[in-house]
Amino acid sequence: MGQGAQRPGGEPGKINLPFAKIAKYLAIGLEIPSTIVGSLVVGYVIDRQFGTSPWITVAAAVLGFVGAVFRLLKYLKYFAQGETDKR
């Protein structure tokens, strides 16, 4: 039992559940906008705290957008290589 979840004849640590792919794509679809929204919230809170409105919010929005695009490019590269090439 110390080897992790494994189906007979399958790869160690891999479980083929019916909704595994859907969950993976849903997580990606939620991660991209939440990066932008999270940075906006943090920027807004910092602006309210220091009275610098709207400059920190604008900078945080730009950084959040850049971060989201960076993550999206990493996901696109991951899926372009195919999941069989991983690990």
C-alpha atoms as a PDB file:
ATOM      1  CA  MET A   1       0.000   0.000   0.000  1.00  0.00           C
ATOM      2  CA  GLY A   2       2.994   2.351   0.292  1.00  0.00           C
ATOM      3  CA  GLN A   3       3.229   2.873  -3.480  1.00  0.00           C
ATOM      4  CA  GLY A   4       0.247   5.185  -3.766  1.00  0.00           C
ATOM      5  CA  ALA A   5      -2.906   4.767  -5.793  1.00  0.00           C
ATOM      6  CA  GLN A   6      -2.443   2.488  -8.769  1.00  0.00           C
ATOM      7  CA  ARG A   7      -4.655   0.454 -11.026  1.00  0.00           C
ATOM      8  CA  PRO A   8      -3.364  -2.952 -12.033  1.00  0.00           C
ATOM      9  CA  GLY A   9      -1.097  -2.476 -15.045  1.00  0.00           C
ATOM     10  CA  GLY A  10      -1.261   1.320 -14.799  1.00  0.00           C
ATOM     11  CA  GLU A  11       1.252   3.979 -13.924  1.00  0.00           C
ATOM     12  CA  PRO A  12       2.045   4.480 -10.230  1.00  0.00           C
ATOM     13  CA  GLY A  13       0.222   7.448  -8.750  1.00  0.00           C
ATOM     14  CA  LYS A  14      -2.214   7.800 -11.665  1.00  0.00           C
ATOM     15  CA  ILE A  15      -5.907   7.239 -11.211  1.00  0.00           C
ATOM     16  CA  ASN A  16      -8.199   7.375 -14.237  1.00  0.00           C
ATOM     17  CA  LEU A  17     -11.382   8.830 -12.805  1.00  0.00           C
ATOM     18  CA  PRO A  18     -14.225   9.746 -15.153  1.00  0.00           C
ATOM     19  CA  PHE A  19     -14.192  13.447 -14.263  1.00  0.00           C
ATOM     20  CA  ALA A  20     -10.419  13.888 -13.831  1.00  0.00           C
ATOM     21  CA  LYS A  21      -9.948  15.736 -17.126  1.00  0.00           C
ATOM     22  CA  ILE A  22     -12.962  17.933 -16.517  1.00  0.00           C
ATOM     23  CA  ALA A  23     -11.638  18.835 -13.074  1.00  0.00           C
ATOM     24  CA  LYS A  24      -8.212  19.666 -14.507  1.00  0.00           C
ATOM     25  CA  TYR A  25      -9.629  22.007 -17.145  1.00  0.00           C
ATOM     26  CA  LEU A  26     -12.027  23.566 -14.643  1.00  0.00           C
ATOM     27  CA  ALA A  27      -9.125  24.275 -12.295  1.00  0.00           C
ATOM     28  CA  ILE A  28      -7.202  25.961 -15.107  1.00  0.00           C
ATOM     29  CA  GLY A  29     -10.269  27.960 -16.126  1.00  0.00           C
ATOM     30  CA  LEU A  30     -10.687  29.216 -12.582  1.00  0.00           C
ATOM     31  CA  GLU A  31      -6.991  29.885 -11.946  1.00  0.00           C
ATOM     32  CA  ILE A  32      -6.542  32.348 -14.803  1.00  0.00           C
ATOM     33  CA  PRO A  33      -9.317  34.837 -13.856  1.00  0.00           C
ATOM     34  CA  SER A  34      -8.726  34.383 -10.121  1.00  0.00           C
ATOM     35  CA  THR A  35      -5.131  35.545 -10.610  1.00  0.00           C
ATOM     36  CA  ILE A  36      -6.383  38.815 -12.074  1.00  0.00           C
ATOM     37  CA  VAL A  37      -9.222  39.271  -9.576  1.00  0.00           C
ATOM     38  CA  GLY A  38      -6.952  38.436  -6.640  1.00  0.00           C
ATOM     39  CA  SER A  39      -4.378  41.005  -7.704  1.00  0.00           C
ATOM     40  CA  LEU A  40      -7.127  43.609  -8.122  1.00  0.00           C
ATOM     41  CA  VAL A  41      -8.403  42.950  -4.608  1.00  0.00           C
ATOM     42  CA  VAL A  42      -4.922  43.163  -3.101  1.00  0.00           C
ATOM     43  CA  GLY A  43      -4.220  46.376  -5.029  1.00  0.00           C
ATOM     44  CA  TYR A  44      -7.502  47.883  -3.896  1.00  0.00           C
ATOM     45  CA  VAL A  45      -6.834  47.037  -0.256  1.00  0.00           C
ATOM     46  CA  ILE A  46      -3.335  48.530  -0.421  1.00  0.00           C
ATOM     47  CA  ASP A  47      -4.723  51.670  -2.103  1.00  0.00           C
ATOM     48  CA  ARG A  48      -7.320  52.070   0.633  1.00  0.00           C
ATOM     49  CA  GLN A  49      -4.694  51.579   3.341  1.00  0.00           C
ATOM     50  CA  PHE A  50      -2.202  54.115   1.986  1.00  0.00           C
ATOM     51  CA  GLY A  51      -4.547  56.488   0.118  1.00  0.00           C
ATOM     52  CA  THR A  52      -2.788  56.072  -3.228  1.00  0.00           C
ATOM     53  CA  SER A  53      -5.906  55.297  -5.241  1.00  0.00           C
ATOM     54  CA  PRO A  54      -5.919  54.164  -8.102  1.00  0.00           C
ATOM     55  CA  TRP A  55      -2.205  53.673  -8.748  1.00  0.00           C
ATOM     56  CA  ILE A  56      -1.507  50.465  -6.816  1.00  0.00           C
ATOM     57  CA  THR A  57      -4.735  48.930  -8.145  1.00  0.00           C
ATOM     58  CA  VAL A  58      -3.715  49.698 -11.722  1.00  0.00           C
ATOM     59  CA  ALA A  59      -0.215  48.306 -11.185  1.00  0.00           C
ATOM     60  CA  ALA A  60      -1.612  45.190  -9.493  1.00  0.00           C
ATOM     61  CA  ALA A  61      -4.085  44.680 -12.350  1.00  0.00           C
ATOM     62  CA  VAL A  62      -1.280  44.849 -14.905  1.00  0.00           C
ATOM     63  CA  LEU A  63       0.881  42.460 -12.878  1.00  0.00           C
ATOM     64  CA  GLY A  64      -2.071  40.099 -12.400  1.00  0.00           C
ATOM     65  CA  PHE A  65      -2.785  40.110 -16.123  1.00  0.00           C
ATOM     66  CA  VAL A  66       0.872  39.438 -16.955  1.00  0.00           C
ATOM     67  CA  GLY A  67       0.926  36.610 -14.413  1.00  0.00           C
ATOM     68  CA  ALA A  68      -2.252  35.107 -15.861  1.00  0.00           C
ATOM     69  CA  VAL A  69      -0.855  35.238 -19.405  1.00  0.00           C
ATOM     70  CA  PHE A  70       2.383  33.642 -18.188  1.00  0.00           C
ATOM     71  CA  ARG A  71       0.442  30.786 -16.537  1.00  0.00           C
ATOM     72  CA  LEU A  72      -1.703  30.374 -19.660  1.00  0.00           C
ATOM     73  CA  LEU A  73       1.409  30.067 -21.829  1.00  0.00           C
ATOM     74  CA  LYS A  74       2.815  27.440 -19.465  1.00  0.00           C
ATOM     75  CA  TYR A  75      -0.440  25.464 -19.685  1.00  0.00           C
ATOM     76  CA  LEU A  76      -0.464  25.727 -23.474  1.00  0.00           C
ATOM     77  CA  LYS A  77       3.099  24.430 -23.616  1.00  0.00           C
ATOM     78  CA  TYR A  78       2.174  21.584 -21.248  1.00  0.00           C
ATOM     79  CA  PHE A  79      -0.794  20.484 -23.332  1.00  0.00           C
ATOM     80  CA  ALA A  80       1.059  20.916 -26.642  1.00  0.00           C
ATOM     81  CA  GLN A  81       3.731  18.441 -25.516  1.00  0.00           C
ATOM     82  CA  GLY A  82       1.104  15.885 -24.595  1.00  0.00           C
ATOM     83  CA  GLU A  83       0.569  14.292 -21.237  1.00  0.00           C
ATOM     84  CA  THR A  84       2.463  11.119 -22.117  1.00  0.00           C
ATOM     85  CA  ASP A  85       5.793  12.977 -22.232  1.00  0.00           C
ATOM     86  CA  LYS A  86       5.491  14.125 -18.630  1.00  0.00           C
ATOM     87  CA  ARG A  87       7.692  12.756 -15.827  1.00  0.00           C
END
